[in-house]
Amino acid sequence: MLLFGVFVAAVGKDPLEVYQLIYAGGFGSGFAWQNTLSRAAPLILTALCVALPAQAGTMVIGAEGAVVLGGLAAAVTGYAVGDASPLVVKLAMAAAGMLIGGLWIAAAGALRQYRGVNETISSLLLTYIAIALFNHLVEGPLRDPASLNKPSTPPIGSANMLGALPGLDVHWGLGLGAIFCIATYVLIYHTTWGFAIRVAGGNARAARLVGLSVDRLVIAAFFLGGAAAGLAGMIEVAAVHGSANASLIAGYGYAGILVAFIARHNPLAILPVAVLVGGISASGGMLQRRLDMPDATVLVFQGLAFLTILASEALYGRLKLFGHGARA
């Protein structure tokens, strides 16, 4: 916050006023909370795409690719089975999105385990491939002829859209994200399978010595993370857009990296952190209207937060503030 305040002051604005507007835009009213929670829903799931592989000692930053392809798969499936009951259509869309998203991220896990390819680089490069593939399909073979100015797939139909949570004006994506977080927390911290993943992530050699199949565990963690991101794409289609179009490429996969790091890859901690980051993102419009600042200013705030997190991880245990200085 101090670093961002210096940045704001450098461009001639009052940092206190900026922080006041960030609070008002993200949390200051019922409408602000609605906007914040709607933005938090996909962040919860894309953060899990980082946090779950991290439990296996790996670093995946390619959730954006799983989001767009999961959303595309969900949109195509929803249109294909659109004559079925709405419940069947939604379940089929969720299954398709999670399957494609899971397989896409699992590919990075397989490259790591079987070919020695760095998963951070491969998952990022796979994101660019996913976006290129998405654009090709949406603007070409899968394009709805009725979508003129903005190419998109055929709509899934209003009957197949996700509704709002009871008593809230926020779609069910938030509830699904919370359920997924709780389920993965139980899986990772309260099952033998989750314990095996954490053992493999802590020391792969020791895990092999005790007979664990490290390759399968790592790829399974990648698949679960990708499935969460694919579900986020499905939710964006079924709750917001009604079809797959360029609006799916919204950067939720990259923002999820920040959420996962602040939450220290704990599935339960992801829930409040996603709301916090969602509120910061939602306040961009307020800064633009009131102070004539670009709405992307909040991205600078998020970027500084991410750099600070990385620096604290690097310096933890190596720098004494009130001792005899740095130690090896």
Foldseek 3Di string as FASTA:
>chain_A
DVVLQVVQVVVPDHSVVVVVLLCCLQPVDQVNVQQLLQQLLLLLLLLLLQLLLVLLQAGALQLLLLLQVLLQQLQVQLQVPLVDQLVVSLVRSLVRLLQSLLVLQLVLLCCCPPVVDRSHVVSNVSNVVSVVVSCCCQVPVQFDPVDDPFGWGDFSDPSNAFACDPPGRHGCSSVVSQVLLVVVLCVLPPDVLNVLSNVSSVPVVVSVVVPHPSSVSSSVSNSSSSSSSSSSSNNCCRHPPRTRTPVSSPCSSNLSNLLNLVLVSRSVSSSVSSSVLSSLLSSLVSCCVPVVDHSCSSVVVSVVSSVVSVVCVVCVPQADPPDDGGDD
